PDB file of N, CA and C in Angstrom:
ATOM      1  N   UNK A   1       0.095  42.529 -71.647  1.00  0.00           N
ATOM      2  CA  UNK A   1      -1.052  43.131 -72.276  1.00  0.00           C
ATOM      3  C   UNK A   1      -2.249  42.193 -72.080  1.00  0.00           C
ATOM      4  N   UNK A   2      -3.360  42.754 -71.655  1.00  0.00           N
ATOM      5  CA  UNK A   2      -4.563  41.960 -71.407  1.00  0.00           C
ATOM      6  C   UNK A   2      -5.236  41.608 -72.717  1.00  0.00           C
ATOM      7  N   UNK A   3      -5.713  40.391 -72.795  1.00  0.00           N
ATOM      8  CA  UNK A   3      -6.421  39.949 -73.996  1.00  0.00           C
ATOM      9  C   UNK A   3      -7.810  40.567 -74.022  1.00  0.00           C
ATOM     10  N   UNK A   4      -8.198  41.086 -75.185  1.00  0.00           N
ATOM     11  CA  UNK A   4      -9.529  41.676 -75.290  1.00  0.00           C
ATOM     12  C   UNK A   4     -10.538  40.569 -75.573  1.00  0.00           C
ATOM     13  N   UNK A   5     -11.742  40.780 -75.105  1.00  0.00           N
ATOM     14  CA  UNK A   5     -12.804  39.806 -75.302  1.00  0.00           C
ATOM     15  C   UNK A   5     -13.752  40.330 -76.357  1.00  0.00           C
ATOM     16  N   UNK A   6     -13.928  39.564 -77.417  1.00  0.00           N
ATOM     17  CA  UNK A   6     -14.837  39.947 -78.481  1.00  0.00           C
ATOM     18  C   UNK A   6     -16.146  39.211 -78.288  1.00  0.00           C
ATOM     19  N   UNK A   7     -17.240  39.953 -78.374  1.00  0.00           N
ATOM     20  CA  UNK A   7     -18.565  39.354 -78.212  1.00  0.00           C
ATOM     21  C   UNK A   7     -19.287  39.360 -79.544  1.00  0.00           C
ATOM     22  N   UNK A   8     -19.947  38.263 -79.831  1.00  0.00           N
ATOM     23  CA  UNK A   8     -20.763  38.150 -81.037  1.00  0.00           C
ATOM     24  C   UNK A   8     -21.903  39.169 -80.953  1.00  0.00           C
ATOM     25  N   UNK A   9     -22.109  39.996 -82.020  1.00  0.00           N
ATOM     26  CA  UNK A   9     -23.226  40.935 -81.976  1.00  0.00           C
ATOM     27  C   UNK A   9     -24.561  40.202 -81.828  1.00  0.00           C
ATOM     28  N   UNK A  10     -25.437  40.808 -81.054  1.00  0.00           N
ATOM     29  CA  UNK A  10     -26.754  40.221 -80.825  1.00  0.00           C
ATOM     30  C   UNK A  10     -27.729  40.846 -81.792  1.00  0.00           C
ATOM     31  N   UNK A  11     -28.485  40.010 -82.478  1.00  0.00           N
ATOM     32  CA  UNK A  11     -29.486  40.511 -83.418  1.00  0.00           C
ATOM     33  C   UNK A  11     -30.581  41.240 -82.651  1.00  0.00           C
ATOM     34  N   UNK A  12     -30.983  42.441 -83.131  1.00  0.00           N
ATOM     35  CA  UNK A  12     -32.062  43.168 -82.459  1.00  0.00           C
ATOM     36  C   UNK A  12     -33.430  42.556 -82.720  1.00  0.00           C
ATOM     37  N   UNK A  13     -33.486  41.575 -83.605  1.00  0.00           N
ATOM     38  CA  UNK A  13     -34.765  40.993 -83.983  1.00  0.00           C
ATOM     39  C   UNK A  13     -35.049  39.739 -83.176  1.00  0.00           C
ATOM     40  N   UNK A  14     -36.225  39.661 -82.546  1.00  0.00           N
ATOM     41  CA  UNK A  14     -36.564  38.471 -81.784  1.00  0.00           C
ATOM     42  C   UNK A  14     -36.713  37.260 -82.702  1.00  0.00           C
ATOM     43  N   UNK A  15     -36.124  36.158 -82.304  1.00  0.00           N
ATOM     44  CA  UNK A  15     -36.252  34.924 -83.070  1.00  0.00           C
ATOM     45  C   UNK A  15     -35.570  34.960 -84.422  1.00  0.00           C
ATOM     46  N   UNK A  16     -34.713  35.946 -84.667  1.00  0.00           N
ATOM     47  CA  UNK A  16     -34.011  36.036 -85.935  1.00  0.00           C
ATOM     48  C   UNK A  16     -34.927  36.284 -87.126  1.00  0.00           C
ATOM     49  N   UNK A  17     -36.007  37.022 -86.931  1.00  0.00           N
ATOM     50  CA  UNK A  17     -36.955  37.301 -88.011  1.00  0.00           C
ATOM     51  C   UNK A  17     -36.237  37.976 -89.177  1.00  0.00           C
ATOM     52  N   UNK A  18     -36.656  37.665 -90.374  1.00  0.00           N
ATOM     53  CA  UNK A  18     -36.001  38.187 -91.567  1.00  0.00           C
ATOM     54  C   UNK A  18     -36.274  39.676 -91.777  1.00  0.00           C
ATOM     55  N   UNK A  19     -37.493  40.126 -91.519  1.00  0.00           N
ATOM     56  CA  UNK A  19     -37.841  41.530 -91.733  1.00  0.00           C
ATOM     57  C   UNK A  19     -38.370  42.141 -90.452  1.00  0.00           C
ATOM     58  N   UNK A  20     -37.751  43.233 -90.002  1.00  0.00           N
ATOM     59  CA  UNK A  20     -38.248  43.870 -88.785  1.00  0.00           C
ATOM     60  C   UNK A  20     -39.546  44.616 -89.047  1.00  0.00           C
ATOM     61  N   UNK A  21     -40.361  44.713 -88.006  1.00  0.00           N
ATOM     62  CA  UNK A  21     -41.548  45.542 -88.156  1.00  0.00           C
ATOM     63  C   UNK A  21     -41.269  46.887 -87.492  1.00  0.00           C
ATOM     64  N   UNK A  22     -42.140  47.839 -87.700  1.00  0.00           N
ATOM     65  CA  UNK A  22     -41.921  49.194 -87.207  1.00  0.00           C
ATOM     66  C   UNK A  22     -41.746  49.234 -85.695  1.00  0.00           C
ATOM     67  N   UNK A  23     -42.532  48.453 -84.958  1.00  0.00           N
ATOM     68  CA  UNK A  23     -42.438  48.444 -83.499  1.00  0.00           C
ATOM     69  C   UNK A  23     -41.045  47.985 -83.047  1.00  0.00           C
ATOM     70  N   UNK A  24     -40.495  46.970 -83.719  1.00  0.00           N
ATOM     71  CA  UNK A  24     -39.149  46.500 -83.376  1.00  0.00           C
ATOM     72  C   UNK A  24     -38.109  47.601 -83.588  1.00  0.00           C
ATOM     73  N   UNK A  25     -38.206  48.278 -84.726  1.00  0.00           N
ATOM     74  CA  UNK A  25     -37.227  49.312 -85.044  1.00  0.00           C
ATOM     75  C   UNK A  25     -37.356  50.493 -84.100  1.00  0.00           C
ATOM     76  N   UNK A  26     -38.585  50.944 -83.833  1.00  0.00           N
ATOM     77  CA  UNK A  26     -38.771  52.067 -82.915  1.00  0.00           C
ATOM     78  C   UNK A  26     -38.275  51.716 -81.515  1.00  0.00           C
ATOM     79  N   UNK A  27     -38.520  50.490 -81.096  1.00  0.00           N
ATOM     80  CA  UNK A  27     -38.045  50.041 -79.787  1.00  0.00           C
ATOM     81  C   UNK A  27     -36.529  50.055 -79.741  1.00  0.00           C
ATOM     82  N   UNK A  28     -35.905  49.607 -80.819  1.00  0.00           N
ATOM     83  CA  UNK A  28     -34.450  49.579 -80.863  1.00  0.00           C
ATOM     84  C   UNK A  28     -33.879  50.985 -80.810  1.00  0.00           C
ATOM     85  N   UNK A  29     -34.467  51.912 -81.562  1.00  0.00           N
ATOM     86  CA  UNK A  29     -33.998  53.296 -81.558  1.00  0.00           C
ATOM     87  C   UNK A  29     -34.173  53.900 -80.172  1.00  0.00           C
ATOM     88  N   UNK A  30     -35.325  53.626 -79.540  1.00  0.00           N
ATOM     89  CA  UNK A  30     -35.620  54.187 -78.233  1.00  0.00           C
ATOM     90  C   UNK A  30     -34.685  53.634 -77.150  1.00  0.00           C
ATOM     91  N   UNK A  31     -34.373  52.356 -77.235  1.00  0.00           N
ATOM     92  CA  UNK A  31     -33.597  51.704 -76.189  1.00  0.00           C
ATOM     93  C   UNK A  31     -32.112  51.618 -76.473  1.00  0.00           C
ATOM     94  N   UNK A  32     -31.676  52.098 -77.614  1.00  0.00           N
ATOM     95  CA  UNK A  32     -30.281  51.945 -78.002  1.00  0.00           C
ATOM     96  C   UNK A  32     -29.682  53.311 -78.282  1.00  0.00           C
ATOM     97  N   UNK A  33     -28.897  53.823 -77.365  1.00  0.00           N
ATOM     98  CA  UNK A  33     -28.274  55.119 -77.531  1.00  0.00           C
ATOM     99  C   UNK A  33     -27.116  54.989 -78.511  1.00  0.00           C
ATOM    100  N   UNK A  34     -27.078  55.822 -79.549  1.00  0.00           N
ATOM    101  CA  UNK A  34     -25.986  55.725 -80.501  1.00  0.00           C
ATOM    102  C   UNK A  34     -24.656  56.075 -79.849  1.00  0.00           C
ATOM    103  N   UNK A  35     -23.567  55.608 -80.449  1.00  0.00           N
ATOM    104  CA  UNK A  35     -22.233  55.841 -79.906  1.00  0.00           C
ATOM    105  C   UNK A  35     -21.928  57.334 -79.811  1.00  0.00           C
ATOM    106  N   UNK A  36     -22.354  58.111 -80.795  1.00  0.00           N
ATOM    107  CA  UNK A  36     -22.142  59.558 -80.799  1.00  0.00           C
ATOM    108  C   UNK A  36     -23.511  60.226 -80.776  1.00  0.00           C
ATOM    109  N   UNK A  37     -23.810  61.038 -79.761  1.00  0.00           N
ATOM    110  CA  UNK A  37     -25.111  61.701 -79.716  1.00  0.00           C
ATOM    111  C   UNK A  37     -25.322  62.600 -80.938  1.00  0.00           C
ATOM    112  N   UNK A  38     -26.563  62.660 -81.402  1.00  0.00           N
ATOM    113  CA  UNK A  38     -26.888  63.440 -82.599  1.00  0.00           C
ATOM    114  C   UNK A  38     -26.491  64.900 -82.437  1.00  0.00           C
ATOM    115  N   UNK A  39     -26.646  65.440 -81.227  1.00  0.00           N
ATOM    116  CA  UNK A  39     -26.317  66.840 -81.005  1.00  0.00           C
ATOM    117  C   UNK A  39     -24.828  67.105 -81.219  1.00  0.00           C
ATOM    118  N   UNK A  40     -23.992  66.097 -81.004  1.00  0.00           N
ATOM    119  CA  UNK A  40     -22.552  66.284 -81.108  1.00  0.00           C
ATOM    120  C   UNK A  40     -22.016  66.008 -82.504  1.00  0.00           C
ATOM    121  N   UNK A  41     -22.806  65.360 -83.361  1.00  0.00           N
ATOM    122  CA  UNK A  41     -22.235  64.925 -84.634  1.00  0.00           C
ATOM    123  C   UNK A  41     -22.443  65.886 -85.792  1.00  0.00           C
ATOM    124  N   UNK A  42     -23.318  66.860 -85.634  1.00  0.00           N
ATOM    125  CA  UNK A  42     -23.466  67.932 -86.617  1.00  0.00           C
ATOM    126  C   UNK A  42     -23.670  67.446 -88.045  1.00  0.00           C
ATOM    127  N   UNK A  43     -24.893  67.121 -88.377  1.00  0.00           N
ATOM    128  CA  UNK A  43     -25.222  66.807 -89.761  1.00  0.00           C
ATOM    129  C   UNK A  43     -25.057  68.067 -90.603  1.00  0.00           C
ATOM    130  N   UNK A  44     -24.596  67.903 -91.843  1.00  0.00           N
ATOM    131  CA  UNK A  44     -24.480  69.057 -92.728  1.00  0.00           C
ATOM    132  C   UNK A  44     -25.881  69.512 -93.138  1.00  0.00           C
ATOM    133  N   UNK A  45     -25.954  70.695 -93.708  1.00  0.00           N
ATOM    134  CA  UNK A  45     -27.246  71.213 -94.171  1.00  0.00           C
ATOM    135  C   UNK A  45     -27.856  70.277 -95.209  1.00  0.00           C
ATOM    136  N   UNK A  46     -27.038  69.742 -96.101  1.00  0.00           N
ATOM    137  CA  UNK A  46     -27.544  68.834 -97.128  1.00  0.00           C
ATOM    138  C   UNK A  46     -28.022  67.528 -96.506  1.00  0.00           C
ATOM    139  N   UNK A  47     -27.300  67.013 -95.516  1.00  0.00           N
ATOM    140  CA  UNK A  47     -27.727  65.789 -94.833  1.00  0.00           C
ATOM    141  C   UNK A  47     -29.050  66.008 -94.103  1.00  0.00           C
ATOM    142  N   UNK A  48     -29.222  67.168 -93.482  1.00  0.00           N
ATOM    143  CA  UNK A  48     -30.483  67.488 -92.819  1.00  0.00           C
ATOM    144  C   UNK A  48     -31.611  67.558 -93.850  1.00  0.00           C
ATOM    145  N   UNK A  49     -31.319  68.123 -95.006  1.00  0.00           N
ATOM    146  CA  UNK A  49     -32.312  68.223 -96.066  1.00  0.00           C
ATOM    147  C   UNK A  49     -32.712  66.825 -96.560  1.00  0.00           C
ATOM    148  N   UNK A  50     -31.735  65.962 -96.763  1.00  0.00           N
ATOM    149  CA  UNK A  50     -32.005  64.587 -97.203  1.00  0.00           C
ATOM    150  C   UNK A  50     -32.834  63.863 -96.147  1.00  0.00           C
ATOM    151  N   UNK A  51     -32.472  64.014 -94.872  1.00  0.00           N
ATOM    152  CA  UNK A  51     -33.194  63.361 -93.787  1.00  0.00           C
ATOM    153  C   UNK A  51     -34.645  63.832 -93.739  1.00  0.00           C
ATOM    154  N   UNK A  52     -34.867  65.112 -93.928  1.00  0.00           N
ATOM    155  CA  UNK A  52     -36.230  65.659 -93.954  1.00  0.00           C
ATOM    156  C   UNK A  52     -37.033  65.044 -95.101  1.00  0.00           C
ATOM    157  N   UNK A  53     -36.417  64.939 -96.268  1.00  0.00           N
ATOM    158  CA  UNK A  53     -37.112  64.368 -97.425  1.00  0.00           C
ATOM    159  C   UNK A  53     -37.387  62.878 -97.232  1.00  0.00           C
ATOM    160  N   UNK A  54     -36.469  62.163 -96.599  1.00  0.00           N
ATOM    161  CA  UNK A  54     -36.714  60.759 -96.270  1.00  0.00           C
ATOM    162  C   UNK A  54     -37.903  60.637 -95.326  1.00  0.00           C
ATOM    163  N   UNK A  55     -37.978  61.552 -94.357  1.00  0.00           N
ATOM    164  CA  UNK A  55     -39.085  61.540 -93.400  1.00  0.00           C
ATOM    165  C   UNK A  55     -40.423  61.808 -94.097  1.00  0.00           C
ATOM    166  N   UNK A  56     -40.385  62.531 -95.193  1.00  0.00           N
ATOM    167  CA  UNK A  56     -41.596  62.802 -95.970  1.00  0.00           C
ATOM    168  C   UNK A  56     -41.962  61.627 -96.868  1.00  0.00           C
ATOM    169  N   UNK A  57     -41.148  60.573 -96.839  1.00  0.00           N
ATOM    170  CA  UNK A  57     -41.450  59.375 -97.615  1.00  0.00           C
ATOM    171  C   UNK A  57     -40.905  59.377 -99.027  1.00  0.00           C
ATOM    172  N   UNK A  58     -40.005  60.289 -99.336  1.00  0.00           N
ATOM    173  CA  UNK A  58     -39.450  60.377-100.680  1.00  0.00           C
ATOM    174  C   UNK A  58     -38.431  59.262-100.922  1.00  0.00           C
ATOM    175  N   UNK A  59     -38.388  58.761-102.127  1.00  0.00           N
ATOM    176  CA  UNK A  59     -37.398  57.755-102.518  1.00  0.00           C
ATOM    177  C   UNK A  59     -36.106  58.457-102.921  1.00  0.00           C
ATOM    178  N   UNK A  60     -35.035  57.681-103.034  1.00  0.00           N
ATOM    179  CA  UNK A  60     -33.752  58.243-103.475  1.00  0.00           C
ATOM    180  C   UNK A  60     -33.891  58.864-104.862  1.00  0.00           C
ATOM    181  N   UNK A  61     -34.656  58.227-105.722  1.00  0.00           N
ATOM    182  CA  UNK A  61     -34.866  58.755-107.073  1.00  0.00           C
ATOM    183  C   UNK A  61     -35.596  60.101-107.028  1.00  0.00           C
ATOM    184  N   UNK A  62     -36.638  60.189-106.204  1.00  0.00           N
ATOM    185  CA  UNK A  62     -37.386  61.450-106.082  1.00  0.00           C
ATOM    186  C   UNK A  62     -36.512  62.552-105.476  1.00  0.00           C
ATOM    187  N   UNK A  63     -35.718  62.188-104.469  1.00  0.00           N
ATOM    188  CA  UNK A  63     -34.833  63.172-103.833  1.00  0.00           C
ATOM    189  C   UNK A  63     -33.802  63.663-104.839  1.00  0.00           C
ATOM    190  N   UNK A  64     -33.225  62.742-105.604  1.00  0.00           N
ATOM    191  CA  UNK A  64     -32.204  63.140-106.576  1.00  0.00           C
ATOM    192  C   UNK A  64     -32.792  64.091-107.621  1.00  0.00           C
ATOM    193  N   UNK A  65     -34.012  63.823-108.056  1.00  0.00           N
ATOM    194  CA  UNK A  65     -34.659  64.704-109.027  1.00  0.00           C
ATOM    195  C   UNK A  65     -34.960  66.077-108.455  1.00  0.00           C
ATOM    196  N   UNK A  66     -35.423  66.107-107.206  1.00  0.00           N
ATOM    197  CA  UNK A  66     -35.778  67.379-106.569  1.00  0.00           C
ATOM    198  C   UNK A  66     -34.553  68.249-106.293  1.00  0.00           C
ATOM    199  N   UNK A  67     -33.448  67.613-105.894  1.00  0.00           N
ATOM    200  CA  UNK A  67     -32.246  68.364-105.513  1.00  0.00           C
ATOM    201  C   UNK A  67     -31.219  68.474-106.642  1.00  0.00           C
ATOM    202  N   UNK A  68     -31.534  67.880-107.801  1.00  0.00           N
ATOM    203  CA  UNK A  68     -30.630  67.907-108.956  1.00  0.00           C
ATOM    204  C   UNK A  68     -29.262  67.307-108.637  1.00  0.00           C
ATOM    205  N   UNK A  69     -29.289  66.151-107.971  1.00  0.00           N
ATOM    206  CA  UNK A  69     -28.077  65.396-107.689  1.00  0.00           C
ATOM    207  C   UNK A  69     -28.330  63.946-108.105  1.00  0.00           C
ATOM    208  N   UNK A  70     -27.279  63.159-108.209  1.00  0.00           N
ATOM    209  CA  UNK A  70     -27.455  61.770-108.637  1.00  0.00           C
ATOM    210  C   UNK A  70     -27.992  60.908-107.494  1.00  0.00           C
ATOM    211  N   UNK A  71     -28.564  59.754-107.862  1.00  0.00           N
ATOM    212  CA  UNK A  71     -29.034  58.812-106.848  1.00  0.00           C
ATOM    213  C   UNK A  71     -27.859  58.332-105.996  1.00  0.00           C
ATOM    214  N   UNK A  72     -26.690  58.184-106.606  1.00  0.00           N
ATOM    215  CA  UNK A  72     -25.501  57.753-105.855  1.00  0.00           C
ATOM    216  C   UNK A  72     -25.140  58.793-104.787  1.00  0.00           C
ATOM    217  N   UNK A  73     -25.304  60.062-105.107  1.00  0.00           N
ATOM    218  CA  UNK A  73     -25.021  61.115-104.128  1.00  0.00           C
ATOM    219  C   UNK A  73     -26.024  61.069-102.983  1.00  0.00           C
ATOM    220  N   UNK A  74     -27.286  60.837-103.305  1.00  0.00           N
ATOM    221  CA  UNK A  74     -28.307  60.689-102.262  1.00  0.00           C
ATOM    222  C   UNK A  74     -27.942  59.507-101.367  1.00  0.00           C
ATOM    223  N   UNK A  75     -27.556  58.400-101.975  1.00  0.00           N
ATOM    224  CA  UNK A  75     -27.163  57.207-101.214  1.00  0.00           C
ATOM    225  C   UNK A  75     -25.960  57.509-100.315  1.00  0.00           C
ATOM    226  N   UNK A  76     -24.977  58.255-100.839  1.00  0.00           N
ATOM    227  CA  UNK A  76     -23.807  58.611-100.027  1.00  0.00           C
ATOM    228  C   UNK A  76     -24.201  59.477 -98.836  1.00  0.00           C
ATOM    229  N   UNK A  77     -25.043  60.480 -99.085  1.00  0.00           N
ATOM    230  CA  UNK A  77     -25.508  61.328 -97.979  1.00  0.00           C
ATOM    231  C   UNK A  77     -26.246  60.478 -96.940  1.00  0.00           C
ATOM    232  N   UNK A  78     -27.083  59.558 -97.400  1.00  0.00           N
ATOM    233  CA  UNK A  78     -27.842  58.692 -96.491  1.00  0.00           C
ATOM    234  C   UNK A  78     -26.890  57.847 -95.652  1.00  0.00           C
ATOM    235  N   UNK A  79     -25.869  57.291 -96.266  1.00  0.00           N
ATOM    236  CA  UNK A  79     -24.892  56.488 -95.519  1.00  0.00           C
ATOM    237  C   UNK A  79     -24.143  57.336 -94.490  1.00  0.00           C
ATOM    238  N   UNK A  80     -23.830  58.576 -94.821  1.00  0.00           N
ATOM    239  CA  UNK A  80     -23.165  59.475 -93.866  1.00  0.00           C
ATOM    240  C   UNK A  80     -24.087  59.780 -92.687  1.00  0.00           C
ATOM    241  N   UNK A  81     -25.358  59.992 -92.966  1.00  0.00           N
ATOM    242  CA  UNK A  81     -26.342  60.240 -91.902  1.00  0.00           C
ATOM    243  C   UNK A  81     -26.382  59.052 -90.950  1.00  0.00           C
ATOM    244  N   UNK A  82     -26.512  57.850 -91.511  1.00  0.00           N
ATOM    245  CA  UNK A  82     -26.588  56.636 -90.685  1.00  0.00           C
ATOM    246  C   UNK A  82     -25.324  56.469 -89.850  1.00  0.00           C
ATOM    247  N   UNK A  83     -24.170  56.720 -90.445  1.00  0.00           N
ATOM    248  CA  UNK A  83     -22.910  56.577 -89.719  1.00  0.00           C
ATOM    249  C   UNK A  83     -22.815  57.595 -88.580  1.00  0.00           C
ATOM    250  N   UNK A  84     -23.174  58.836 -88.851  1.00  0.00           N
ATOM    251  CA  UNK A  84     -23.085  59.873 -87.823  1.00  0.00           C
ATOM    252  C   UNK A  84     -24.044  59.623 -86.667  1.00  0.00           C
ATOM    253  N   UNK A  85     -25.209  59.059 -86.970  1.00  0.00           N
ATOM    254  CA  UNK A  85     -26.194  58.797 -85.920  1.00  0.00           C
ATOM    255  C   UNK A  85     -26.021  57.421 -85.286  1.00  0.00           C
ATOM    256  N   UNK A  86     -25.138  56.594 -85.837  1.00  0.00           N
ATOM    257  CA  UNK A  86     -24.907  55.258 -85.289  1.00  0.00           C
ATOM    258  C   UNK A  86     -26.093  54.333 -85.514  1.00  0.00           C
ATOM    259  N   UNK A  87     -26.764  54.477 -86.659  1.00  0.00           N
ATOM    260  CA  UNK A  87     -27.959  53.696 -86.967  1.00  0.00           C
ATOM    261  C   UNK A  87     -27.718  52.811 -88.180  1.00  0.00           C
ATOM    262  N   UNK A  88     -28.706  51.958 -88.500  1.00  0.00           N
ATOM    263  CA  UNK A  88     -28.510  50.973 -89.549  1.00  0.00           C
ATOM    264  C   UNK A  88     -29.499  51.047 -90.702  1.00  0.00           C
ATOM    265  N   UNK A  89     -30.559  51.821 -90.587  1.00  0.00           N
ATOM    266  CA  UNK A  89     -31.531  51.895 -91.680  1.00  0.00           C
ATOM    267  C   UNK A  89     -32.120  53.302 -91.759  1.00  0.00           C
ATOM    268  N   UNK A  90     -32.694  53.600 -92.921  1.00  0.00           N
ATOM    269  CA  UNK A  90     -33.339  54.900 -93.105  1.00  0.00           C
ATOM    270  C   UNK A  90     -34.516  55.054 -92.150  1.00  0.00           C
ATOM    271  N   UNK A  91     -35.244  53.981 -91.925  1.00  0.00           N
ATOM    272  CA  UNK A  91     -36.386  54.047 -91.009  1.00  0.00           C
ATOM    273  C   UNK A  91     -35.923  54.377 -89.587  1.00  0.00           C
ATOM    274  N   UNK A  92     -34.844  53.767 -89.152  1.00  0.00           N
ATOM    275  CA  UNK A  92     -34.295  54.089 -87.834  1.00  0.00           C
ATOM    276  C   UNK A  92     -33.882  55.556 -87.769  1.00  0.00           C
ATOM    277  N   UNK A  93     -33.265  56.043 -88.838  1.00  0.00           N
ATOM    278  CA  UNK A  93     -32.813  57.435 -88.868  1.00  0.00           C
ATOM    279  C   UNK A  93     -33.984  58.401 -88.770  1.00  0.00           C
ATOM    280  N   UNK A  94     -35.064  58.108 -89.493  1.00  0.00           N
ATOM    281  CA  UNK A  94     -36.242  58.977 -89.452  1.00  0.00           C
ATOM    282  C   UNK A  94     -36.871  58.952 -88.056  1.00  0.00           C
ATOM    283  N   UNK A  95     -37.014  57.763 -87.479  1.00  0.00           N
ATOM    284  CA  UNK A  95     -37.592  57.657 -86.128  1.00  0.00           C
ATOM    285  C   UNK A  95     -36.722  58.403 -85.117  1.00  0.00           C
ATOM    286  N   UNK A  96     -35.420  58.219 -85.203  1.00  0.00           N
ATOM    287  CA  UNK A  96     -34.484  58.894 -84.294  1.00  0.00           C
ATOM    288  C   UNK A  96     -34.583  60.414 -84.462  1.00  0.00           C
ATOM    289  N   UNK A  97     -34.626  60.857 -85.714  1.00  0.00           N
ATOM    290  CA  UNK A  97     -34.682  62.291 -85.993  1.00  0.00           C
ATOM    291  C   UNK A  97     -35.952  62.927 -85.432  1.00  0.00           C
ATOM    292  N   UNK A  98     -37.096  62.246 -85.561  1.00  0.00           N
ATOM    293  CA  UNK A  98     -38.333  62.764 -84.979  1.00  0.00           C
ATOM    294  C   UNK A  98     -38.227  62.834 -83.458  1.00  0.00           C
ATOM    295  N   UNK A  99     -37.719  61.780 -82.859  1.00  0.00           N
ATOM    296  CA  UNK A  99     -37.627  61.737 -81.391  1.00  0.00           C
ATOM    297  C   UNK A  99     -36.702  62.792 -80.822  1.00  0.00           C
ATOM    298  N   UNK A 100     -35.664  63.147 -81.563  1.00  0.00           N
ATOM    299  CA  UNK A 100     -34.665  64.080 -81.052  1.00  0.00           C
ATOM    300  C   UNK A 100     -34.758  65.467 -81.686  1.00  0.00           C
ATOM    301  N   UNK A 101     -35.852  65.721 -82.403  1.00  0.00           N
ATOM    302  CA  UNK A 101     -36.085  67.053 -82.949  1.00  0.00           C
ATOM    303  C   UNK A 101     -35.127  67.474 -84.045  1.00  0.00           C
ATOM    304  N   UNK A 102     -34.571  66.529 -84.786  1.00  0.00           N
ATOM    305  CA  UNK A 102     -33.637  66.876 -85.856  1.00  0.00           C
ATOM    306  C   UNK A 102     -34.348  67.285 -87.140  1.00  0.00           C
ATOM    307  N   UNK A 103     -35.625  66.943 -87.265  1.00  0.00           N
ATOM    308  CA  UNK A 103     -36.405  67.302 -88.441  1.00  0.00           C
ATOM    309  C   UNK A 103     -37.739  67.867 -88.013  1.00  0.00           C
ATOM    310  N   UNK A 104     -38.353  68.609 -88.942  1.00  0.00           N
ATOM    311  CA  UNK A 104     -39.659  69.204 -88.651  1.00  0.00           C
ATOM    312  C   UNK A 104     -40.754  68.181 -88.880  1.00  0.00           C
ATOM    313  N   UNK A 105     -41.686  68.044 -87.940  1.00  0.00           N
ATOM    314  CA  UNK A 105     -42.807  67.119 -88.142  1.00  0.00           C
ATOM    315  C   UNK A 105     -43.675  67.584 -89.311  1.00  0.00           C
ATOM    316  N   UNK A 106     -44.251  66.622 -90.013  1.00  0.00           N
ATOM    317  CA  UNK A 106     -45.164  66.945 -91.101  1.00  0.00           C
ATOM    318  C   UNK A 106     -46.458  67.489 -90.524  1.00  0.00           C
ATOM    319  N   UNK A 107     -46.991  68.511 -91.156  1.00  0.00           N
ATOM    320  CA  UNK A 107     -48.264  69.087 -90.706  1.00  0.00           C
ATOM    321  C   UNK A 107     -49.402  68.230 -91.213  1.00  0.00           C
ATOM    322  N   UNK A 108     -50.351  67.958 -90.339  1.00  0.00           N
ATOM    323  CA  UNK A 108     -51.511  67.149 -90.711  1.00  0.00           C
ATOM    324  C   UNK A 108     -52.653  68.092 -91.082  1.00  0.00           C
ATOM    325  N   UNK A 109     -53.320  67.807 -92.195  1.00  0.00           N
ATOM    326  CA  UNK A 109     -54.420  68.679 -92.652  1.00  0.00           C
ATOM    327  C   UNK A 109     -55.705  68.319 -91.927  1.00  0.00           C
TER     328      UNK A 109
END
């Protein structure tokens, strides 16, 4: 049996910066194809709804109040979204969703 080689994960942040900026995250989403394509992973209707509300800038507390669910449930849905899309943050998920047409763009007045 051949020995497998494990590689240390590489930080997506240049110089090990503590907080990523939007350009870093958008670049990572653009240049990093998730393990499972969004089209194949089928977000549930509720997950799509949560993702849309996140894209509108709503907090977990605001989403829970609007949908009459607990903050823990919102957090669980958010974690499922991130897992299905192969992403690590809500900001990455929103950027990915806009780029791949998973959510409706906000109308500008």
